[in-house]
Amino acid sequence: MVNKPEKRDFYTITDLTREFSVSTRTIRFYEDEGLVNPTRRGRTRLFRQSDRRILSFILRGKRLGFSIAEIREILHMYKEPPGESGQLRLLISKVKEKREALEQKRRDIEETLRELEQVEEASLARLAEIGVGT
């Protein structure tokens, strides 16, 4: 669950790990990937409000099944032309693709469950035929 901290100019990595319930390693990974860019004061990373919003977006994207490459592409669209409208169109397209993939997986799972039920019923019937109880 995400805790709502007070709004401020900078957040430490510890602030963000607590707020988003992720490890420092996770945040460093997103930094290494160039998705968040904290300011440094000595060895301390200071994340801006914009980094916090991006981290929130990344984590939501991951929960929805988007890859880092897809998340990067969507974030990049915001910074470059066509800007926010392009980002939103791309996001809608990606959401549609994810939804279609998940719906296909659901159909595949339902078919597998039907097949398993048939195998189980056939096996039970055969056991009954040969006089073996279950």
C-alpha atoms as a PDB file:
ATOM      1  CA  MET A   1       0.000   0.000   0.000  1.00  0.00           C
ATOM      2  CA  VAL A   2       1.322   3.452  -0.877  1.00  0.00           C
ATOM      3  CA  ASN A   3       1.576   5.881   2.030  1.00  0.00           C
ATOM      4  CA  LYS A   4       0.975   9.534   1.175  1.00  0.00           C
ATOM      5  CA  PRO A   5       3.934  11.578   2.378  1.00  0.00           C
ATOM      6  CA  GLU A   6       3.809  15.318   2.614  1.00  0.00           C
ATOM      7  CA  LYS A   7       4.599  17.047  -0.669  1.00  0.00           C
ATOM      8  CA  ARG A   8       8.124  18.424  -0.703  1.00  0.00           C
ATOM      9  CA  ASP A   9      10.966  19.293  -3.071  1.00  0.00           C
ATOM     10  CA  PHE A  10      13.181  16.249  -2.488  1.00  0.00           C
ATOM     11  CA  TYR A  11      12.844  12.660  -1.308  1.00  0.00           C
ATOM     12  CA  THR A  12      15.610  10.299  -0.221  1.00  0.00           C
ATOM     13  CA  ILE A  13      15.814   6.772  -1.540  1.00  0.00           C
ATOM     14  CA  THR A  14      14.656   5.616   1.914  1.00  0.00           C
ATOM     15  CA  ASP A  15      11.576   7.847   1.681  1.00  0.00           C
ATOM     16  CA  LEU A  16      10.662   6.280  -1.645  1.00  0.00           C
ATOM     17  CA  THR A  17      11.349   2.695  -0.574  1.00  0.00           C
ATOM     18  CA  ARG A  18       8.982   3.180   2.357  1.00  0.00           C
ATOM     19  CA  GLU A  19       6.326   4.969   0.338  1.00  0.00           C
ATOM     20  CA  PHE A  20       6.242   2.449  -2.504  1.00  0.00           C
ATOM     21  CA  SER A  21       7.268  -0.694  -0.567  1.00  0.00           C
ATOM     22  CA  VAL A  22      10.165  -1.462  -2.912  1.00  0.00           C
ATOM     23  CA  SER A  23      13.823  -2.123  -2.259  1.00  0.00           C
ATOM     24  CA  THR A  24      16.635   0.344  -2.758  1.00  0.00           C
ATOM     25  CA  ARG A  25      17.920  -2.099  -5.371  1.00  0.00           C
ATOM     26  CA  THR A  26      14.699  -1.642  -7.364  1.00  0.00           C
ATOM     27  CA  ILE A  27      15.029   2.137  -7.351  1.00  0.00           C
ATOM     28  CA  ARG A  28      18.718   1.918  -8.258  1.00  0.00           C
ATOM     29  CA  PHE A  29      17.801  -0.379 -11.152  1.00  0.00           C
ATOM     30  CA  TYR A  30      15.385   2.230 -12.522  1.00  0.00           C
ATOM     31  CA  GLU A  31      18.108   4.832 -12.061  1.00  0.00           C
ATOM     32  CA  ASP A  32      20.611   2.620 -13.936  1.00  0.00           C
ATOM     33  CA  GLU A  33      18.016   2.256 -16.698  1.00  0.00           C
ATOM     34  CA  GLY A  34      17.840   6.060 -16.945  1.00  0.00           C
ATOM     35  CA  LEU A  35      14.177   6.210 -15.963  1.00  0.00           C
ATOM     36  CA  VAL A  36      14.725   8.311 -12.832  1.00  0.00           C
ATOM     37  CA  ASN A  37      17.556  10.790 -12.387  1.00  0.00           C
ATOM     38  CA  PRO A  38      18.118  11.852  -8.807  1.00  0.00           C
ATOM     39  CA  THR A  39      20.306  14.769  -7.853  1.00  0.00           C
ATOM     40  CA  ARG A  40      23.321  13.831  -5.789  1.00  0.00           C
ATOM     41  CA  ARG A  41      24.656  15.535  -2.710  1.00  0.00           C
ATOM     42  CA  GLY A  42      27.791  13.611  -1.919  1.00  0.00           C
ATOM     43  CA  ARG A  43      26.685   9.983  -1.758  1.00  0.00           C
ATOM     44  CA  THR A  44      23.059  10.857  -1.065  1.00  0.00           C
ATOM     45  CA  ARG A  45      20.496  10.554  -3.844  1.00  0.00           C
ATOM     46  CA  LEU A  46      17.801  13.215  -3.764  1.00  0.00           C
ATOM     47  CA  PHE A  47      14.743  12.500  -5.866  1.00  0.00           C
ATOM     48  CA  ARG A  48      12.529  15.310  -7.130  1.00  0.00           C
ATOM     49  CA  GLN A  49       8.740  15.278  -7.182  1.00  0.00           C
ATOM     50  CA  SER A  50       8.977  14.429 -10.905  1.00  0.00           C
ATOM     51  CA  ASP A  51      11.138  11.365 -10.113  1.00  0.00           C
ATOM     52  CA  ARG A  52       8.553  10.296  -7.545  1.00  0.00           C
ATOM     53  CA  ARG A  53       5.741  10.571 -10.122  1.00  0.00           C
ATOM     54  CA  ILE A  54       7.813   8.638 -12.667  1.00  0.00           C
ATOM     55  CA  LEU A  55       8.563   5.927 -10.101  1.00  0.00           C
ATOM     56  CA  SER A  56       4.854   5.666  -9.354  1.00  0.00           C
ATOM     57  CA  PHE A  57       4.153   5.351 -13.108  1.00  0.00           C
ATOM     58  CA  ILE A  58       6.883   2.699 -13.530  1.00  0.00           C
ATOM     59  CA  LEU A  59       5.569   0.593 -10.655  1.00  0.00           C
ATOM     60  CA  ARG A  60       2.014   0.809 -11.931  1.00  0.00           C
ATOM     61  CA  GLY A  61       3.212  -0.155 -15.414  1.00  0.00           C
ATOM     62  CA  LYS A  62       5.060  -3.155 -13.979  1.00  0.00           C
ATOM     63  CA  ARG A  63       1.934  -4.250 -12.048  1.00  0.00           C
ATOM     64  CA  LEU A  64      -0.002  -4.073 -15.325  1.00  0.00           C
ATOM     65  CA  GLY A  65       2.580  -6.278 -17.039  1.00  0.00           C
ATOM     66  CA  PHE A  66       4.480  -3.721 -19.095  1.00  0.00           C
ATOM     67  CA  SER A  67       8.163  -4.335 -19.754  1.00  0.00           C
ATOM     68  CA  ILE A  68      10.843  -1.773 -18.912  1.00  0.00           C
ATOM     69  CA  ALA A  69      11.245  -1.137 -22.648  1.00  0.00           C
ATOM     70  CA  GLU A  70       7.518  -0.399 -23.018  1.00  0.00           C
ATOM     71  CA  ILE A  71       7.546   1.877 -19.972  1.00  0.00           C
ATOM     72  CA  ARG A  72      10.621   3.699 -21.307  1.00  0.00           C
ATOM     73  CA  GLU A  73       8.909   4.169 -24.690  1.00  0.00           C
ATOM     74  CA  ILE A  74       5.797   5.640 -23.075  1.00  0.00           C
ATOM     75  CA  LEU A  75       7.843   7.957 -20.832  1.00  0.00           C
ATOM     76  CA  HIS A  76       9.987   9.058 -23.774  1.00  0.00           C
ATOM     77  CA  MET A  77       6.886  10.025 -25.767  1.00  0.00           C
ATOM     78  CA  TYR A  78       6.023  12.552 -23.063  1.00  0.00           C
ATOM     79  CA  LYS A  79       9.366  14.317 -23.385  1.00  0.00           C
ATOM     80  CA  GLU A  80       9.506  14.388 -27.186  1.00  0.00           C
ATOM     81  CA  PRO A  81       6.985  15.368 -29.855  1.00  0.00           C
ATOM     82  CA  PRO A  82       4.104  14.578 -30.085  1.00  0.00           C
ATOM     83  CA  GLY A  83       4.208  15.010 -26.301  1.00  0.00           C
ATOM     84  CA  GLU A  84       1.414  14.104 -23.949  1.00  0.00           C
ATOM     85  CA  SER A  85      -1.151  13.364 -26.672  1.00  0.00           C
ATOM     86  CA  GLY A  86       1.276  10.951 -28.328  1.00  0.00           C
ATOM     87  CA  GLN A  87       2.069   9.395 -24.976  1.00  0.00           C
ATOM     88  CA  LEU A  88      -1.613   8.873 -24.257  1.00  0.00           C
ATOM     89  CA  ARG A  89      -2.258   7.335 -27.693  1.00  0.00           C
ATOM     90  CA  LEU A  90       0.694   4.998 -27.224  1.00  0.00           C
ATOM     91  CA  LEU A  91      -0.467   4.092 -23.734  1.00  0.00           C
ATOM     92  CA  ILE A  92      -3.973   3.317 -25.019  1.00  0.00           C
ATOM     93  CA  SER A  93      -2.475   1.127 -27.741  1.00  0.00           C
ATOM     94  CA  LYS A  94      -0.259  -0.722 -25.224  1.00  0.00           C
ATOM     95  CA  VAL A  95      -3.182  -1.196 -22.832  1.00  0.00           C
ATOM     96  CA  LYS A  96      -5.254  -2.664 -25.668  1.00  0.00           C
ATOM     97  CA  GLU A  97      -2.412  -5.067 -26.554  1.00  0.00           C
ATOM     98  CA  LYS A  98      -2.042  -6.133 -22.898  1.00  0.00           C
ATOM     99  CA  ARG A  99      -5.779  -6.634 -22.536  1.00  0.00           C
ATOM    100  CA  GLU A 100      -5.947  -8.756 -25.705  1.00  0.00           C
ATOM    101  CA  ALA A 101      -2.992 -10.868 -24.530  1.00  0.00           C
ATOM    102  CA  LEU A 102      -4.578 -11.397 -21.114  1.00  0.00           C
ATOM    103  CA  GLU A 103      -7.927 -12.294 -22.659  1.00  0.00           C
ATOM    104  CA  GLN A 104      -6.169 -14.871 -24.852  1.00  0.00           C
ATOM    105  CA  LYS A 105      -4.416 -16.300 -21.801  1.00  0.00           C
ATOM    106  CA  ARG A 106      -7.784 -16.524 -20.039  1.00  0.00           C
ATOM    107  CA  ARG A 107      -9.264 -18.420 -23.011  1.00  0.00           C
ATOM    108  CA  ASP A 108      -6.228 -20.732 -23.032  1.00  0.00           C
ATOM    109  CA  ILE A 109      -6.552 -21.394 -19.296  1.00  0.00           C
ATOM    110  CA  GLU A 110     -10.299 -22.077 -19.609  1.00  0.00           C
ATOM    111  CA  GLU A 111      -9.623 -24.535 -22.446  1.00  0.00           C
ATOM    112  CA  THR A 112      -6.903 -26.280 -20.422  1.00  0.00           C
ATOM    113  CA  LEU A 113      -9.242 -26.563 -17.440  1.00  0.00           C
ATOM    114  CA  ARG A 114     -11.937 -28.125 -19.663  1.00  0.00           C
ATOM    115  CA  GLU A 115      -9.414 -30.612 -21.033  1.00  0.00           C
ATOM    116  CA  LEU A 116      -8.217 -31.510 -17.526  1.00  0.00           C
ATOM    117  CA  GLU A 117     -11.813 -32.066 -16.445  1.00  0.00           C
ATOM    118  CA  GLN A 118     -12.375 -34.380 -19.427  1.00  0.00           C
ATOM    119  CA  VAL A 119      -9.219 -36.370 -18.638  1.00  0.00           C
ATOM    120  CA  GLU A 120     -10.244 -36.663 -15.006  1.00  0.00           C
ATOM    121  CA  GLU A 121     -13.783 -37.786 -15.906  1.00  0.00           C
ATOM    122  CA  ALA A 122     -12.470 -40.303 -18.436  1.00  0.00           C
ATOM    123  CA  SER A 123     -10.005 -41.651 -15.882  1.00  0.00           C
ATOM    124  CA  LEU A 124     -12.696 -41.989 -13.217  1.00  0.00           C
ATOM    125  CA  ALA A 125     -14.978 -43.720 -15.704  1.00  0.00           C
ATOM    126  CA  ARG A 126     -12.230 -46.162 -16.678  1.00  0.00           C
ATOM    127  CA  LEU A 127     -11.480 -46.915 -13.026  1.00  0.00           C
ATOM    128  CA  ALA A 128     -15.159 -47.695 -12.529  1.00  0.00           C
ATOM    129  CA  GLU A 129     -15.134 -49.957 -15.633  1.00  0.00           C
ATOM    130  CA  ILE A 130     -12.236 -52.012 -14.329  1.00  0.00           C
ATOM    131  CA  GLY A 131     -13.746 -52.195 -10.867  1.00  0.00           C
ATOM    132  CA  VAL A 132     -11.345 -49.994  -8.982  1.00  0.00           C
ATOM    133  CA  GLY A 133     -12.816 -47.474  -6.537  1.00  0.00           C
ATOM    134  CA  THR A 134     -11.333 -44.067  -6.012  1.00  0.00           C
END
